[in-house]
């Protein structure tokens, strides 16, 4: 009987040791997993940040190019409008000068 009790105690000690080692291994695995997840998350954050920055830079460049194009188009339109206005103004001035410079006897006609 005593041998059986001693055997049971010895098996219990072995089981306790196995459980202790298993808990240590589980803790080590959990710690390693958390570290790996942290590294993956940091890398994903860095990649995401880079992608967003590149997208913003591309959008800024496209917006700047579009702005320059619109400014050029506006300048061309304004120049054309100024040329037209200048011609219209010149015609109006010439018309007024003709009226003002007419002899008095021809002003009624």
PDB file of N, CA and C in Angstrom:
ATOM      1  N   UNK A   1       0.820  -1.179   0.000  1.00  0.00           N
ATOM      2  CA  UNK A   1       0.000   0.000   0.000  1.00  0.00           C
ATOM      3  C   UNK A   1       0.873   1.255   0.000  1.00  0.00           C
ATOM      4  N   UNK A   2       1.889   1.184   0.808  1.00  0.00           N
ATOM      5  CA  UNK A   2       2.801   2.317   0.897  1.00  0.00           C
ATOM      6  C   UNK A   2       3.453   2.580  -0.452  1.00  0.00           C
ATOM      7  N   UNK A   3       3.793   1.542  -1.170  1.00  0.00           N
ATOM      8  CA  UNK A   3       4.388   1.690  -2.484  1.00  0.00           C
ATOM      9  C   UNK A   3       3.444   2.389  -3.446  1.00  0.00           C
ATOM     10  N   UNK A   4       2.173   2.076  -3.317  1.00  0.00           N
ATOM     11  CA  UNK A   4       1.165   2.700  -4.196  1.00  0.00           C
ATOM     12  C   UNK A   4       1.077   4.191  -3.892  1.00  0.00           C
ATOM     13  N   UNK A   5       1.077   4.516  -2.611  1.00  0.00           N
ATOM     14  CA  UNK A   5       0.990   5.924  -2.208  1.00  0.00           C
ATOM     15  C   UNK A   5       2.231   6.666  -2.680  1.00  0.00           C
ATOM     16  N   UNK A   6       3.389   6.040  -2.518  1.00  0.00           N
ATOM     17  CA  UNK A   6       4.618   6.685  -2.969  1.00  0.00           C
ATOM     18  C   UNK A   6       4.605   6.879  -4.481  1.00  0.00           C
ATOM     19  N   UNK A   7       4.089   5.901  -5.193  1.00  0.00           N
ATOM     20  CA  UNK A   7       3.987   5.994  -6.663  1.00  0.00           C
ATOM     21  C   UNK A   7       3.037   7.116  -7.058  1.00  0.00           C
ATOM     22  N   UNK A   8       1.919   7.230  -6.373  1.00  0.00           N
ATOM     23  CA  UNK A   8       0.944   8.296  -6.662  1.00  0.00           C
ATOM     24  C   UNK A   8       1.590   9.657  -6.410  1.00  0.00           C
ATOM     25  N   UNK A   9       2.298   9.816  -5.302  1.00  0.00           N
ATOM     26  CA  UNK A   9       2.965  11.080  -4.984  1.00  0.00           C
ATOM     27  C   UNK A   9       4.028  11.425  -6.039  1.00  0.00           C
ATOM     28  N   UNK A  10       4.772  10.395  -6.460  1.00  0.00           N
ATOM     29  CA  UNK A  10       5.789  10.623  -7.466  1.00  0.00           C
ATOM     30  C   UNK A  10       5.149  11.049  -8.794  1.00  0.00           C
ATOM     31  N   UNK A  11       4.086  10.442  -9.183  1.00  0.00           N
ATOM     32  CA  UNK A  11       3.375  10.789 -10.424  1.00  0.00           C
ATOM     33  C   UNK A  11       2.790  12.187 -10.298  1.00  0.00           C
ATOM     34  N   UNK A  12       2.277  12.547  -9.129  1.00  0.00           N
ATOM     35  CA  UNK A  12       1.741  13.901  -8.915  1.00  0.00           C
ATOM     36  C   UNK A  12       2.848  14.943  -9.062  1.00  0.00           C
ATOM     37  N   UNK A  13       4.035  14.643  -8.511  1.00  0.00           N
ATOM     38  CA  UNK A  13       5.164  15.567  -8.642  1.00  0.00           C
ATOM     39  C   UNK A  13       5.565  15.719 -10.113  1.00  0.00           C
ATOM     40  N   UNK A  14       5.591  14.611 -10.830  1.00  0.00           N
ATOM     41  CA  UNK A  14       5.925  14.666 -12.251  1.00  0.00           C
ATOM     42  C   UNK A  14       4.884  15.501 -13.013  1.00  0.00           C
ATOM     43  N   UNK A  15       3.620  15.285 -12.676  1.00  0.00           N
ATOM     44  CA  UNK A  15       2.540  16.033 -13.333  1.00  0.00           C
ATOM     45  C   UNK A  15       2.673  17.520 -13.018  1.00  0.00           C
ATOM     46  N   UNK A  16       3.000  17.845 -11.777  1.00  0.00           N
ATOM     47  CA  UNK A  16       3.191  19.249 -11.395  1.00  0.00           C
ATOM     48  C   UNK A  16       4.342  19.868 -12.179  1.00  0.00           C
ATOM     49  N   UNK A  17       5.431  19.114 -12.317  1.00  0.00           N
ATOM     50  CA  UNK A  17       6.584  19.615 -13.079  1.00  0.00           C
ATOM     51  C   UNK A  17       6.221  19.809 -14.550  1.00  0.00           C
ATOM     52  N   UNK A  18       5.505  18.873 -15.109  1.00  0.00           N
ATOM     53  CA  UNK A  18       5.070  18.982 -16.507  1.00  0.00           C
ATOM     54  C   UNK A  18       4.173  20.208 -16.673  1.00  0.00           C
ATOM     55  N   UNK A  19       3.249  20.437 -15.762  1.00  0.00           N
ATOM     56  CA  UNK A  19       2.356  21.611 -15.814  1.00  0.00           C
ATOM     57  C   UNK A  19       3.156  22.905 -15.701  1.00  0.00           C
ATOM     58  N   UNK A  20       4.139  22.915 -14.779  1.00  0.00           N
ATOM     59  CA  UNK A  20       4.966  24.113 -14.613  1.00  0.00           C
ATOM     60  C   UNK A  20       5.706  24.431 -15.913  1.00  0.00           C
ATOM     61  N   UNK A  21       6.318  23.411 -16.521  1.00  0.00           N
ATOM     62  CA  UNK A  21       7.032  23.617 -17.782  1.00  0.00           C
ATOM     63  C   UNK A  21       6.078  24.067 -18.896  1.00  0.00           C
ATOM     64  N   UNK A  22       4.906  23.484 -18.917  1.00  0.00           N
ATOM     65  CA  UNK A  22       3.918  23.855 -19.937  1.00  0.00           C
ATOM     66  C   UNK A  22       3.489  25.315 -19.765  1.00  0.00           C
ATOM     67  N   UNK A  23       3.299  25.744 -18.510  1.00  0.00           N
ATOM     68  CA  UNK A  23       2.930  27.136 -18.248  1.00  0.00           C
ATOM     69  C   UNK A  23       4.060  28.086 -18.667  1.00  0.00           C
ATOM     70  N   UNK A  24       5.300  27.709 -18.356  1.00  0.00           N
ATOM     71  CA  UNK A  24       6.443  28.523 -18.762  1.00  0.00           C
ATOM     72  C   UNK A  24       6.507  28.639 -20.286  1.00  0.00           C
ATOM     73  N   UNK A  25       6.340  27.508 -20.963  1.00  0.00           N
ATOM     74  CA  UNK A  25       6.376  27.507 -22.429  1.00  0.00           C
ATOM     75  C   UNK A  25       5.224  28.348 -23.004  1.00  0.00           C
ATOM     76  N   UNK A  26       4.056  28.232 -22.420  1.00  0.00           N
ATOM     77  CA  UNK A  26       2.900  29.018 -22.877  1.00  0.00           C
ATOM     78  C   UNK A  26       3.167  30.511 -22.682  1.00  0.00           C
ATOM     79  N   UNK A  27       3.752  30.869 -21.558  1.00  0.00           N
ATOM     80  CA  UNK A  27       4.093  32.277 -21.313  1.00  0.00           C
ATOM     81  C   UNK A  27       5.124  32.778 -22.314  1.00  0.00           C
ATOM     82  N   UNK A  28       6.117  31.945 -22.584  1.00  0.00           N
ATOM     83  CA  UNK A  28       7.155  32.312 -23.552  1.00  0.00           C
ATOM     84  C   UNK A  28       6.543  32.459 -24.954  1.00  0.00           C
ATOM     85  N   UNK A  29       5.670  31.525 -25.333  1.00  0.00           N
ATOM     86  CA  UNK A  29       5.009  31.598 -26.640  1.00  0.00           C
ATOM     87  C   UNK A  29       4.116  32.846 -26.741  1.00  0.00           C
ATOM     88  N   UNK A  30       3.394  33.145 -25.679  1.00  0.00           N
ATOM     89  CA  UNK A  30       2.526  34.326 -25.659  1.00  0.00           C
ATOM     90  C   UNK A  30       3.363  35.598 -25.812  1.00  0.00           C
ATOM     91  N   UNK A  31       4.480  35.646 -25.088  1.00  0.00           N
ATOM     92  CA  UNK A  31       5.366  36.804 -25.163  1.00  0.00           C
ATOM     93  C   UNK A  31       5.950  36.953 -26.572  1.00  0.00           C
ATOM     94  N   UNK A  32       6.391  35.846 -27.152  1.00  0.00           N
ATOM     95  CA  UNK A  32       6.930  35.877 -28.512  1.00  0.00           C
ATOM     96  C   UNK A  32       5.858  36.306 -29.515  1.00  0.00           C
ATOM     97  N   UNK A  33       4.658  35.782 -29.334  1.00  0.00           N
ATOM     98  CA  UNK A  33       3.548  36.144 -30.239  1.00  0.00           C
ATOM     99  C   UNK A  33       3.210  37.622 -30.141  1.00  0.00           C
ATOM    100  N   UNK A  34       3.184  38.149 -28.930  1.00  0.00           N
ATOM    101  CA  UNK A  34       2.895  39.578 -28.747  1.00  0.00           C
ATOM    102  C   UNK A  34       3.983  40.441 -29.383  1.00  0.00           C
ATOM    103  N   UNK A  35       5.231  40.023 -29.231  1.00  0.00           N
ATOM    104  CA  UNK A  35       6.339  40.766 -29.836  1.00  0.00           C
ATOM    105  C   UNK A  35       6.242  40.724 -31.358  1.00  0.00           C
ATOM    106  N   UNK A  36       5.934  39.563 -31.890  1.00  0.00           N
ATOM    107  CA  UNK A  36       5.802  39.426 -33.338  1.00  0.00           C
ATOM    108  C   UNK A  36       4.621  40.261 -33.848  1.00  0.00           C
ATOM    109  N   UNK A  37       3.497  40.218 -33.152  1.00  0.00           N
ATOM    110  CA  UNK A  37       2.337  41.017 -33.541  1.00  0.00           C
ATOM    111  C   UNK A  37       2.666  42.500 -33.493  1.00  0.00           C
ATOM    112  N   UNK A  38       3.423  42.899 -32.496  1.00  0.00           N
ATOM    113  CA  UNK A  38       3.834  44.294 -32.379  1.00  0.00           C
ATOM    114  C   UNK A  38       4.722  44.700 -33.559  1.00  0.00           C
ATOM    115  N   UNK A  39       5.646  43.835 -33.928  1.00  0.00           N
ATOM    116  CA  UNK A  39       6.522  44.126 -35.080  1.00  0.00           C
ATOM    117  C   UNK A  39       5.709  44.216 -36.376  1.00  0.00           C
ATOM    118  N   UNK A  40       4.785  43.294 -36.552  1.00  0.00           N
ATOM    119  CA  UNK A  40       3.949  43.295 -37.762  1.00  0.00           C
ATOM    120  C   UNK A  40       3.097  44.554 -37.810  1.00  0.00           C
ATOM    121  N   UNK A  41       2.516  44.924 -36.676  1.00  0.00           N
ATOM    122  CA  UNK A  41       1.694  46.132 -36.610  1.00  0.00           C
ATOM    123  C   UNK A  41       2.525  47.376 -36.904  1.00  0.00           C
ATOM    124  N   UNK A  42       3.725  47.445 -36.361  1.00  0.00           N
ATOM    125  CA  UNK A  42       4.605  48.597 -36.612  1.00  0.00           C
ATOM    126  C   UNK A  42       4.966  48.677 -38.092  1.00  0.00           C
ATOM    127  N   UNK A  43       5.271  47.552 -38.698  1.00  0.00           N
ATOM    128  CA  UNK A  43       5.607  47.532 -40.124  1.00  0.00           C
ATOM    129  C   UNK A  43       4.393  47.920 -40.981  1.00  0.00           C
ATOM    130  N   UNK A  44       3.221  47.413 -40.617  1.00  0.00           N
ATOM    131  CA  UNK A  44       2.005  47.778 -41.367  1.00  0.00           C
ATOM    132  C   UNK A  44       1.711  49.265 -41.226  1.00  0.00           C
ATOM    133  N   UNK A  45       1.910  49.806 -40.037  1.00  0.00           N
ATOM    134  CA  UNK A  45       1.702  51.237 -39.816  1.00  0.00           C
ATOM    135  C   UNK A  45       2.667  52.047 -40.664  1.00  0.00           C
ATOM    136  N   UNK A  46       3.924  51.620 -40.683  1.00  0.00           N
ATOM    137  CA  UNK A  46       4.940  52.325 -41.478  1.00  0.00           C
ATOM    138  C   UNK A  46       4.594  52.265 -42.971  1.00  0.00           C
ATOM    139  N   UNK A  47       4.211  51.101 -43.441  1.00  0.00           N
ATOM    140  CA  UNK A  47       3.838  50.937 -44.845  1.00  0.00           C
ATOM    141  C   UNK A  47       2.618  51.787 -45.180  1.00  0.00           C
ATOM    142  N   UNK A  48       1.626  51.754 -44.302  1.00  0.00           N
ATOM    143  CA  UNK A  48       0.427  52.558 -44.520  1.00  0.00           C
ATOM    144  C   UNK A  48       0.741  54.044 -44.552  1.00  0.00           C
ATOM    145  N   UNK A  49       1.562  54.496 -43.638  1.00  0.00           N
ATOM    146  CA  UNK A  49       1.952  55.908 -43.587  1.00  0.00           C
ATOM    147  C   UNK A  49       2.670  56.302 -44.875  1.00  0.00           C
ATOM    148  N   UNK A  50       3.573  55.434 -45.333  1.00  0.00           N
ATOM    149  CA  UNK A  50       4.306  55.702 -46.577  1.00  0.00           C
ATOM    150  C   UNK A  50       3.340  55.792 -47.759  1.00  0.00           C
ATOM    151  N   UNK A  51       2.389  54.876 -47.814  1.00  0.00           N
ATOM    152  CA  UNK A  51       1.423  54.882 -48.912  1.00  0.00           C
ATOM    153  C   UNK A  51       0.581  56.156 -48.890  1.00  0.00           C
ATOM    154  N   UNK A  52       0.146  56.561 -47.707  1.00  0.00           N
ATOM    155  CA  UNK A  52      -0.653  57.783 -47.593  1.00  0.00           C
ATOM    156  C   UNK A  52       0.175  58.998 -47.995  1.00  0.00           C
ATOM    157  N   UNK A  53       1.427  59.064 -47.539  1.00  0.00           N
ATOM    158  CA  UNK A  53       2.288  60.195 -47.885  1.00  0.00           C
ATOM    159  C   UNK A  53       2.543  60.250 -49.393  1.00  0.00           C
ATOM    160  N   UNK A  54       2.775  59.096 -49.999  1.00  0.00           N
ATOM    161  CA  UNK A  54       2.987  59.064 -51.453  1.00  0.00           C
ATOM    162  C   UNK A  54       1.725  59.487 -52.192  1.00  0.00           C
ATOM    163  N   UNK A  55       0.569  59.033 -51.708  1.00  0.00           N
ATOM    164  CA  UNK A  55      -0.704  59.425 -52.327  1.00  0.00           C
ATOM    165  C   UNK A  55      -0.949  60.920 -52.203  1.00  0.00           C
ATOM    166  N   UNK A  56      -0.650  61.461 -51.029  1.00  0.00           N
ATOM    167  CA  UNK A  56      -0.816  62.907 -50.835  1.00  0.00           C
ATOM    168  C   UNK A  56       0.125  63.701 -51.724  1.00  0.00           C
ATOM    169  N   UNK A  57       1.367  63.246 -51.828  1.00  0.00           N
ATOM    170  CA  UNK A  57       2.336  63.938 -52.677  1.00  0.00           C
ATOM    171  C   UNK A  57       1.886  63.905 -54.132  1.00  0.00           C
ATOM    172  N   UNK A  58       1.400  62.762 -54.565  1.00  0.00           N
ATOM    173  CA  UNK A  58       0.913  62.645 -55.944  1.00  0.00           C
ATOM    174  C   UNK A  58      -0.278  63.581 -56.155  1.00  0.00           C
ATOM    175  N   UNK A  59      -1.202  63.610 -55.213  1.00  0.00           N
ATOM    176  CA  UNK A  59      -2.366  64.490 -55.324  1.00  0.00           C
ATOM    177  C   UNK A  59      -1.948  65.958 -55.334  1.00  0.00           C
ATOM    178  N   UNK A  60      -0.979  66.318 -54.491  1.00  0.00           N
ATOM    179  CA  UNK A  60      -0.477  67.701 -54.477  1.00  0.00           C
ATOM    180  C   UNK A  60       0.137  68.072 -55.825  1.00  0.00           C
ATOM    181  N   UNK A  61       0.944  67.176 -56.357  1.00  0.00           N
ATOM    182  CA  UNK A  61       1.590  67.443 -57.647  1.00  0.00           C
ATOM    183  C   UNK A  61       0.556  67.588 -58.759  1.00  0.00           C
ATOM    184  N   UNK A  62      -0.443  66.711 -58.754  1.00  0.00           N
ATOM    185  CA  UNK A  62      -1.494  66.804 -59.769  1.00  0.00           C
ATOM    186  C   UNK A  62      -2.283  68.097 -59.614  1.00  0.00           C
ATOM    187  N   UNK A  63      -2.577  68.470 -58.378  1.00  0.00           N
ATOM    188  CA  UNK A  63      -3.316  69.712 -58.134  1.00  0.00           C
ATOM    189  C   UNK A  63      -2.492  70.921 -58.569  1.00  0.00           C
ATOM    190  N   UNK A  64      -1.192  70.894 -58.299  1.00  0.00           N
ATOM    191  CA  UNK A  64      -0.320  72.004 -58.700  1.00  0.00           C
ATOM    192  C   UNK A  64      -0.246  72.107 -60.218  1.00  0.00           C
ATOM    193  N   UNK A  65      -0.121  70.969 -60.884  1.00  0.00           N
ATOM    194  CA  UNK A  65      -0.075  70.973 -62.350  1.00  0.00           C
ATOM    195  C   UNK A  65      -1.388  71.503 -62.927  1.00  0.00           C
ATOM    196  N   UNK A  66      -2.494  71.063 -62.343  1.00  0.00           N
ATOM    197  CA  UNK A  66      -3.819  71.531 -62.804  1.00  0.00           C
ATOM    198  C   UNK A  66      -3.951  73.033 -62.553  1.00  0.00           C
ATOM    199  N   UNK A  67      -3.467  73.498 -61.416  1.00  0.00           N
ATOM    200  CA  UNK A  67      -3.526  74.923 -61.087  1.00  0.00           C
ATOM    201  C   UNK A  67      -2.740  75.738 -62.112  1.00  0.00           C
ATOM    202  N   UNK A  68      -1.530  75.278 -62.438  1.00  0.00           N
ATOM    203  CA  UNK A  68      -0.710  75.978 -63.424  1.00  0.00           C
ATOM    204  C   UNK A  68      -1.407  76.019 -64.772  1.00  0.00           C
ATOM    205  N   UNK A  69      -1.998  74.901 -65.164  1.00  0.00           N
ATOM    206  CA  UNK A  69      -2.710  74.842 -66.435  1.00  0.00           C
ATOM    207  C   UNK A  69      -3.881  75.818 -66.449  1.00  0.00           C
ATOM    208  N   UNK A  70      -4.643  75.843 -65.359  1.00  0.00           N
ATOM    209  CA  UNK A  70      -5.782  76.760 -65.277  1.00  0.00           C
ATOM    210  C   UNK A  70      -5.327  78.218 -65.297  1.00  0.00           C
ATOM    211  N   UNK A  71      -4.207  78.501 -64.636  1.00  0.00           N
ATOM    212  CA  UNK A  71      -3.684  79.871 -64.639  1.00  0.00           C
ATOM    213  C   UNK A  71      -3.257  80.262 -66.055  1.00  0.00           C
ATOM    214  N   UNK A  72      -2.599  79.336 -66.746  1.00  0.00           N
ATOM    215  CA  UNK A  72      -2.198  79.611 -68.123  1.00  0.00           C
ATOM    216  C   UNK A  72      -3.424  79.847 -69.006  1.00  0.00           C
ATOM    217  N   UNK A  73      -4.441  78.994 -68.846  1.00  0.00           N
ATOM    218  CA  UNK A  73      -5.665  79.152 -69.641  1.00  0.00           C
ATOM    219  C   UNK A  73      -6.347  80.479 -69.319  1.00  0.00           C
ATOM    220  N   UNK A  74      -6.385  80.823 -68.046  1.00  0.00           N
ATOM    221  CA  UNK A  74      -7.002  82.089 -67.647  1.00  0.00           C
ATOM    222  C   UNK A  74      -6.216  83.257 -68.216  1.00  0.00           C
ATOM    223  N   UNK A  75      -4.893  83.176 -68.201  1.00  0.00           N
ATOM    224  CA  UNK A  75      -4.061  84.234 -68.763  1.00  0.00           C
ATOM    225  C   UNK A  75      -4.300  84.383 -70.253  1.00  0.00           C
ATOM    226  N   UNK A  76      -4.392  83.263 -70.948  1.00  0.00           N
ATOM    227  CA  UNK A  76      -4.660  83.297 -72.387  1.00  0.00           C
ATOM    228  C   UNK A  76      -6.028  83.903 -72.658  1.00  0.00           C
ATOM    229  N   UNK A  77      -7.024  83.495 -71.889  1.00  0.00           N
ATOM    230  CA  UNK A  77      -8.380  84.034 -72.053  1.00  0.00           C
ATOM    231  C   UNK A  77      -8.401  85.520 -71.752  1.00  0.00           C
ATOM    232  N   UNK A  78      -7.716  85.919 -70.699  1.00  0.00           N
ATOM    233  CA  UNK A  78      -7.681  87.328 -70.314  1.00  0.00           C
ATOM    234  C   UNK A  78      -6.971  88.154 -71.384  1.00  0.00           C
ATOM    235  N   UNK A  79      -5.890  87.623 -71.898  1.00  0.00           N
ATOM    236  CA  UNK A  79      -5.159  88.319 -72.958  1.00  0.00           C
ATOM    237  C   UNK A  79      -6.041  88.487 -74.180  1.00  0.00           C
ATOM    238  N   UNK A  80      -6.743  87.432 -74.545  1.00  0.00           N
ATOM    239  CA  UNK A  80      -7.659  87.491 -75.685  1.00  0.00           C
ATOM    240  C   UNK A  80      -8.768  88.501 -75.427  1.00  0.00           C
ATOM    241  N   UNK A  81      -9.305  88.477 -74.223  1.00  0.00           N
ATOM    242  CA  UNK A  81     -10.369  89.415 -73.854  1.00  0.00           C
ATOM    243  C   UNK A  81      -9.846  90.850 -73.876  1.00  0.00           C
ATOM    244  N   UNK A  82      -8.646  91.057 -73.375  1.00  0.00           N
ATOM    245  CA  UNK A  82      -8.037  92.394 -73.393  1.00  0.00           C
ATOM    246  C   UNK A  82      -7.839  92.876 -74.823  1.00  0.00           C
ATOM    247  N   UNK A  83      -7.384  91.964 -75.714  1.00  0.00           N
ATOM    248  CA  UNK A  83      -7.207  92.340 -77.110  1.00  0.00           C
ATOM    249  C   UNK A  83      -8.543  92.742 -77.722  1.00  0.00           C
ATOM    250  N   UNK A  84      -9.585  91.960 -77.422  1.00  0.00           N
ATOM    251  CA  UNK A  84     -10.918  92.277 -77.947  1.00  0.00           C
ATOM    252  C   UNK A  84     -11.417  93.590 -77.363  1.00  0.00           C
ATOM    253  N   UNK A  85     -11.238  93.779 -76.053  1.00  0.00           N
ATOM    254  CA  UNK A  85     -11.674  95.017 -75.412  1.00  0.00           C
ATOM    255  C   UNK A  85     -10.907  96.201 -75.969  1.00  0.00           C
ATOM    256  N   UNK A  86      -9.618  96.009 -76.226  1.00  0.00           N
ATOM    257  CA  UNK A  86      -8.789  97.079 -76.765  1.00  0.00           C
ATOM    258  C   UNK A  86      -9.286  97.478 -78.147  1.00  0.00           C
ATOM    259  N   UNK A  87      -9.603  96.479 -78.965  1.00  0.00           N
ATOM    260  CA  UNK A  87     -10.135  96.766 -80.300  1.00  0.00           C
ATOM    261  C   UNK A  87     -11.484  97.478 -80.208  1.00  0.00           C
ATOM    262  N   UNK A  88     -12.350  97.011 -79.322  1.00  0.00           N
ATOM    263  CA  UNK A  88     -13.664  97.647 -79.147  1.00  0.00           C
ATOM    264  C   UNK A  88     -13.499  99.067 -78.653  1.00  0.00           C
ATOM    265  N   UNK A  89     -12.586  99.267 -77.733  1.00  0.00           N
ATOM    266  CA  UNK A  89     -12.336 100.599 -77.191  1.00  0.00           C
ATOM    267  C   UNK A  89     -11.821 101.530 -78.288  1.00  0.00           C
ATOM    268  N   UNK A  90     -10.880 101.007 -79.087  1.00  0.00           N
ATOM    269  CA  UNK A  90     -10.339 101.807 -80.190  1.00  0.00           C
ATOM    270  C   UNK A  90     -11.446 102.198 -81.161  1.00  0.00           C
ATOM    271  N   UNK A  91     -12.335 101.286 -81.505  1.00  0.00           N
ATOM    272  CA  UNK A  91     -13.442 101.606 -82.417  1.00  0.00           C
ATOM    273  C   UNK A  91     -14.349 102.662 -81.799  1.00  0.00           C
ATOM    274  N   UNK A  92     -14.625 102.513 -80.491  1.00  0.00           N
ATOM    275  CA  UNK A  92     -15.483 103.489 -79.821  1.00  0.00           C
ATOM    276  C   UNK A  92     -14.833 104.864 -79.817  1.00  0.00           C
ATOM    277  N   UNK A  93     -13.538 104.937 -79.518  1.00  0.00           N
ATOM    278  CA  UNK A  93     -12.822 106.218 -79.508  1.00  0.00           C
ATOM    279  C   UNK A  93     -12.848 106.841 -80.905  1.00  0.00           C
ATOM    280  N   UNK A  94     -12.591 106.031 -81.913  1.00  0.00           N
ATOM    281  CA  UNK A  94     -12.617 106.543 -83.284  1.00  0.00           C
ATOM    282  C   UNK A  94     -13.995 107.068 -83.656  1.00  0.00           C
ATOM    283  N   UNK A  95     -15.038 106.361 -83.214  1.00  0.00           N
ATOM    284  CA  UNK A  95     -16.400 106.830 -83.481  1.00  0.00           C
ATOM    285  C   UNK A  95     -16.681 108.150 -82.802  1.00  0.00           C
ATOM    286  N   UNK A  96     -16.275 108.281 -81.552  1.00  0.00           N
ATOM    287  CA  UNK A  96     -16.490 109.527 -80.807  1.00  0.00           C
ATOM    288  C   UNK A  96     -15.696 110.653 -81.455  1.00  0.00           C
ATOM    289  N   UNK A  97     -14.470 110.387 -81.846  1.00  0.00           N
ATOM    290  CA  UNK A  97     -13.639 111.410 -82.483  1.00  0.00           C
ATOM    291  C   UNK A  97     -14.251 111.856 -83.815  1.00  0.00           C
ATOM    292  N   UNK A  98     -14.800 110.931 -84.570  1.00  0.00           N
ATOM    293  CA  UNK A  98     -15.451 111.305 -85.825  1.00  0.00           C
ATOM    294  C   UNK A  98     -16.611 112.245 -85.563  1.00  0.00           C
ATOM    295  N   UNK A  99     -17.405 111.905 -84.524  1.00  0.00           N
ATOM    296  CA  UNK A  99     -18.553 112.751 -84.206  1.00  0.00           C
ATOM    297  C   UNK A  99     -18.088 114.118 -83.739  1.00  0.00           C
ATOM    298  N   UNK A 100     -17.093 114.163 -82.881  1.00  0.00           N
ATOM    299  CA  UNK A 100     -16.608 115.431 -82.333  1.00  0.00           C
ATOM    300  C   UNK A 100     -15.907 116.279 -83.383  1.00  0.00           C
ATOM    301  N   UNK A 101     -15.273 115.657 -84.308  1.00  0.00           N
ATOM    302  CA  UNK A 101     -14.501 116.399 -85.295  1.00  0.00           C
ATOM    303  C   UNK A 101     -15.323 116.766 -86.537  1.00  0.00           C
ATOM    304  N   UNK A 102     -16.550 116.396 -86.635  1.00  0.00           N
ATOM    305  CA  UNK A 102     -17.389 116.773 -87.757  1.00  0.00           C
ATOM    306  C   UNK A 102     -17.638 118.274 -87.745  1.00  0.00           C
ATOM    307  N   UNK A 103     -17.716 118.823 -88.878  1.00  0.00           N
ATOM    308  CA  UNK A 103     -18.091 120.235 -88.917  1.00  0.00           C
ATOM    309  C   UNK A 103     -19.506 120.410 -88.370  1.00  0.00           C
ATOM    310  N   UNK A 104     -19.774 121.559 -87.837  1.00  0.00           N
ATOM    311  CA  UNK A 104     -21.054 121.840 -87.210  1.00  0.00           C
ATOM    312  C   UNK A 104     -22.228 121.625 -88.132  1.00  0.00           C
ATOM    313  N   UNK A 105     -22.078 121.944 -89.400  1.00  0.00           N
ATOM    314  CA  UNK A 105     -23.192 121.800 -90.323  1.00  0.00           C
ATOM    315  C   UNK A 105     -23.501 120.339 -90.619  1.00  0.00           C
ATOM    316  N   UNK A 106     -22.590 119.386 -90.277  1.00  0.00           N
ATOM    317  CA  UNK A 106     -22.827 117.964 -90.553  1.00  0.00           C
ATOM    318  C   UNK A 106     -23.197 117.198 -89.294  1.00  0.00           C
ATOM    319  N   UNK A 107     -23.286 117.813 -88.161  1.00  0.00           N
ATOM    320  CA  UNK A 107     -23.535 117.109 -86.893  1.00  0.00           C
ATOM    321  C   UNK A 107     -24.964 116.579 -86.834  1.00  0.00           C
ATOM    322  N   UNK A 108     -25.895 117.210 -87.542  1.00  0.00           N
ATOM    323  CA  UNK A 108     -27.273 116.734 -87.483  1.00  0.00           C
ATOM    324  C   UNK A 108     -27.473 115.457 -88.289  1.00  0.00           C
ATOM    325  N   UNK A 109     -26.678 115.212 -89.195  1.00  0.00           N
ATOM    326  CA  UNK A 109     -26.915 114.073 -90.049  1.00  0.00           C
ATOM    327  C   UNK A 109     -26.252 112.825 -89.563  1.00  0.00           C
TER     328      UNK A 109
END
